[in-house]
C-alpha atoms as a PDB file:
ATOM      1  CA  MET A   1      20.535  -0.150 -25.483  1.00  0.00           C
ATOM      2  CA  ARG A   2      17.463  -0.595 -28.295  1.00  0.00           C
ATOM      3  CA  LYS A   3      17.065  -4.205 -27.137  1.00  0.00           C
ATOM      4  CA  LEU A   4      16.462  -3.218 -23.666  1.00  0.00           C
ATOM      5  CA  LYS A   5      13.884  -0.527 -24.620  1.00  0.00           C
ATOM      6  CA  GLU A   6      12.022  -2.550 -26.952  1.00  0.00           C
ATOM      7  CA  SER A   7      11.946  -5.227 -23.715  1.00  0.00           C
ATOM      8  CA  ASN A   8      10.691  -2.351 -21.648  1.00  0.00           C
ATOM      9  CA  LYS A   9       7.938  -1.375 -24.256  1.00  0.00           C
ATOM     10  CA  TYR A  10       6.632  -5.186 -24.227  1.00  0.00           C
ATOM     11  CA  PHE A  11       6.495  -5.264 -20.338  1.00  0.00           C
ATOM     12  CA  ARG A  12       4.790  -1.893 -20.583  1.00  0.00           C
ATOM     13  CA  GLU A  13       2.459  -3.016 -22.863  1.00  0.00           C
ATOM     14  CA  TYR A  14       1.798  -6.381 -21.064  1.00  0.00           C
ATOM     15  CA  TYR A  15       0.945  -4.685 -17.848  1.00  0.00           C
ATOM     16  CA  ALA A  16      -1.561  -2.021 -19.542  1.00  0.00           C
ATOM     17  CA  ASN A  17      -3.220  -4.931 -20.830  1.00  0.00           C
ATOM     18  CA  ASN A  18      -3.307  -7.258 -18.016  1.00  0.00           C
ATOM     19  CA  ARG A  19      -3.312  -5.086 -15.138  1.00  0.00           C
ATOM     20  CA  LEU A  20      -5.360  -7.700 -12.773  1.00  0.00           C
ATOM     21  CA  ALA A  21      -3.129 -10.409 -13.590  1.00  0.00           C
ATOM     22  CA  SER A  22       0.074  -8.135 -13.100  1.00  0.00           C
ATOM     23  CA  LYS A  23      -1.193  -7.000  -9.965  1.00  0.00           C
ATOM     24  CA  GLY A  24      -2.053 -10.445  -8.598  1.00  0.00           C
ATOM     25  CA  TYR A  25       1.539 -11.528  -9.403  1.00  0.00           C
ATOM     26  CA  MET A  26       2.873  -8.690  -7.637  1.00  0.00           C
ATOM     27  CA  ILE A  27       1.017  -9.381  -4.565  1.00  0.00           C
ATOM     28  CA  LYS A  28       1.460 -12.855  -4.314  1.00  0.00           C
ATOM     29  CA  HIS A  29       5.316 -12.411  -4.942  1.00  0.00           C
ATOM     30  CA  LYS A  30       5.763  -9.553  -2.636  1.00  0.00           C
ATOM     31  CA  PHE A  31       3.230 -10.242  -0.053  1.00  0.00           C
ATOM     32  CA  GLY A  32       2.111 -13.987  -0.231  1.00  0.00           C
ATOM     33  CA  LEU A  33      -1.403 -13.007  -0.478  1.00  0.00           C
ATOM     34  CA  THR A  34      -3.554 -14.059  -3.520  1.00  0.00           C
ATOM     35  CA  LEU A  35      -6.037 -11.569  -5.341  1.00  0.00           C
ATOM     36  CA  GLU A  36      -8.693 -12.983  -3.581  1.00  0.00           C
ATOM     37  CA  GLU A  37      -6.954 -12.748  -0.078  1.00  0.00           C
ATOM     38  CA  PHE A  38      -6.234  -8.929  -0.747  1.00  0.00           C
ATOM     39  CA  GLU A  39      -9.686  -8.360  -1.915  1.00  0.00           C
ATOM     40  CA  SER A  40     -11.129 -10.200   1.102  1.00  0.00           C
ATOM     41  CA  ILE A  41      -8.966  -8.052   3.788  1.00  0.00           C
ATOM     42  CA  LEU A  42     -10.380  -4.979   1.774  1.00  0.00           C
ATOM     43  CA  LYS A  43     -13.872  -6.248   1.909  1.00  0.00           C
ATOM     44  CA  ASN A  44     -13.752  -6.651   5.833  1.00  0.00           C
ATOM     45  CA  GLN A  45     -12.123  -3.376   6.078  1.00  0.00           C
ATOM     46  CA  LYS A  46     -15.298  -2.104   4.136  1.00  0.00           C
ATOM     47  CA  ASN A  47     -12.733  -0.826   1.568  1.00  0.00           C
ATOM     48  CA  LYS A  48     -11.750   1.905   3.966  1.00  0.00           C
ATOM     49  CA  CYS A  49      -7.976   2.666   5.402  1.00  0.00           C
ATOM     50  CA  ALA A  50      -7.388   0.725   8.531  1.00  0.00           C
ATOM     51  CA  ILE A  51      -6.428   3.420  10.597  1.00  0.00           C
ATOM     52  CA  CYS A  52      -7.774   6.597   8.735  1.00  0.00           C
ATOM     53  CA  LYS A  53     -11.255   5.141   7.361  1.00  0.00           C
ATOM     54  CA  MET A  54     -10.657   7.077   3.947  1.00  0.00           C
ATOM     55  CA  LYS A  55     -12.649   5.306   1.425  1.00  0.00           C
ATOM     56  CA  LEU A  56      -9.900   3.307  -1.035  1.00  0.00           C
ATOM     57  CA  GLU A  57     -10.336   2.601  -4.633  1.00  0.00           C
ATOM     58  CA  VAL A  58      -8.436   0.585  -7.199  1.00  0.00           C
ATOM     59  CA  HIS A  59      -7.850   3.268  -9.956  1.00  0.00           C
ATOM     60  CA  LYS A  60      -6.854   2.381 -13.675  1.00  0.00           C
ATOM     61  CA  GLU A  61      -4.407   5.544 -13.812  1.00  0.00           C
ATOM     62  CA  ARG A  62      -1.068   4.999 -12.119  1.00  0.00           C
ATOM     63  CA  ASN A  63      -0.921   8.525 -10.884  1.00  0.00           C
ATOM     64  CA  ILE A  64      -3.994   8.550  -8.577  1.00  0.00           C
ATOM     65  CA  THR A  65      -1.910   7.481  -5.399  1.00  0.00           C
ATOM     66  CA  LYS A  66      -4.261   9.232  -2.397  1.00  0.00           C
ATOM     67  CA  THR A  67      -6.934   6.743  -1.908  1.00  0.00           C
ATOM     68  CA  ARG A  68      -5.016   3.430  -3.614  1.00  0.00           C
ATOM     69  CA  PRO A  69      -4.812   0.664  -1.461  1.00  0.00           C
ATOM     70  CA  CYS A  70      -1.526  -0.256   0.023  1.00  0.00           C
ATOM     71  CA  ILE A  71      -0.783  -3.599   1.644  1.00  0.00           C
ATOM     72  CA  ASP A  72       0.636  -3.160   5.210  1.00  0.00           C
ATOM     73  CA  HIS A  73       2.743  -5.662   6.669  1.00  0.00           C
ATOM     74  CA  CYS A  74       5.589  -6.161   9.111  1.00  0.00           C
ATOM     75  CA  HIS A  75       9.063  -5.902   7.814  1.00  0.00           C
ATOM     76  CA  ILE A  76      10.689  -8.059  10.283  1.00  0.00           C
ATOM     77  CA  THR A  77       7.773 -11.056  10.097  1.00  0.00           C
ATOM     78  CA  LYS A  78       6.963  -9.919   6.461  1.00  0.00           C
ATOM     79  CA  LYS A  79       3.039 -10.654   7.942  1.00  0.00           C
ATOM     80  CA  VAL A  80       0.153  -8.391   6.462  1.00  0.00           C
ATOM     81  CA  ARG A  81      -1.403  -6.281   9.126  1.00  0.00           C
ATOM     82  CA  GLY A  82      -4.026  -4.932   6.820  1.00  0.00           C
ATOM     83  CA  ILE A  83      -4.681  -2.293   4.024  1.00  0.00           C
ATOM     84  CA  LEU A  84      -4.030   1.288   4.467  1.00  0.00           C
ATOM     85  CA  CYS A  85      -4.149   4.370   2.486  1.00  0.00           C
ATOM     86  CA  ALA A  86      -1.188   5.553   0.795  1.00  0.00           C
ATOM     87  CA  GLN A  87      -0.707   8.431   3.262  1.00  0.00           C
ATOM     88  CA  CYS A  88      -1.163   6.338   6.506  1.00  0.00           C
ATOM     89  CA  ASN A  89       1.427   3.820   5.028  1.00  0.00           C
ATOM     90  CA  ARG A  90       4.023   6.011   4.058  1.00  0.00           C
ATOM     91  CA  GLY A  91       3.460   7.655   7.842  1.00  0.00           C
ATOM     92  CA  LEU A  92       3.829   4.328   9.230  1.00  0.00           C
ATOM     93  CA  GLY A  93       6.673   3.655   7.091  1.00  0.00           C
ATOM     94  CA  HIS A  94       8.562   7.155   7.942  1.00  0.00           C
ATOM     95  CA  PHE A  95       8.434   6.219  11.513  1.00  0.00           C
ATOM     96  CA  ASN A  96       9.812   2.800  10.681  1.00  0.00           C
ATOM     97  CA  ASP A  97       7.060   0.840  12.679  1.00  0.00           C
ATOM     98  CA  ASP A  98       8.610   2.129  15.509  1.00  0.00           C
ATOM     99  CA  ILE A  99       5.944   2.070  18.645  1.00  0.00           C
ATOM    100  CA  LYS A 100       8.091   4.243  20.892  1.00  0.00           C
ATOM    101  CA  MET A 101       8.697   6.977  18.131  1.00  0.00           C
ATOM    102  CA  LEU A 102       5.184   7.095  17.248  1.00  0.00           C
ATOM    103  CA  LYS A 103       4.132   7.548  20.797  1.00  0.00           C
ATOM    104  CA  LYS A 104       6.798  10.328  21.172  1.00  0.00           C
ATOM    105  CA  ALA A 105       5.216  12.204  17.964  1.00  0.00           C
ATOM    106  CA  ILE A 106       1.647  11.705  19.518  1.00  0.00           C
ATOM    107  CA  ARG A 107       3.223  13.396  22.810  1.00  0.00           C
ATOM    108  CA  TYR A 108       5.126  16.214  20.567  1.00  0.00           C
ATOM    109  CA  LEU A 109       1.711  17.085  19.133  1.00  0.00           C
ATOM    110  CA  SER A 110      -0.207  16.741  22.011  1.00  0.00           C
ATOM    111  CA  ASN A 111       2.228  19.348  23.925  1.00  0.00           C
ATOM    112  CA  GLN A 112       2.000  21.743  20.770  1.00  0.00           C
ATOM    113  CA  ARG A 113      -1.549  21.981  21.046  1.00  0.00           C
ATOM    114  CA  LYS A 114      -1.642  23.119  24.798  1.00  0.00           C
ATOM    115  CA  THR A 115       0.542  26.139  24.004  1.00  0.00           C
END
């Protein structure tokens, strides 16, 4: 157990000191994007969420999530679709990227506004 705690401490320290390299590795491993490709997509979107257009920022602190860029991808094809804010990314995720369910949610909201 002690060895595990020591190794976790090592990785936490390494990650804190090499955040950019760690982020680049994670993006490449999980999404197949280089850090340069990620930054290019973000730049093409003018550093804004592809859905709500909220300004996205890369924060050094881990607990700031609202404006953190999230890579949106198709869970079936694994193809990257764009970069979203955490809120929009979670919203799509809660609907399992199901267009029919999203349309039903839109109809539901539209009907609620009429009453």
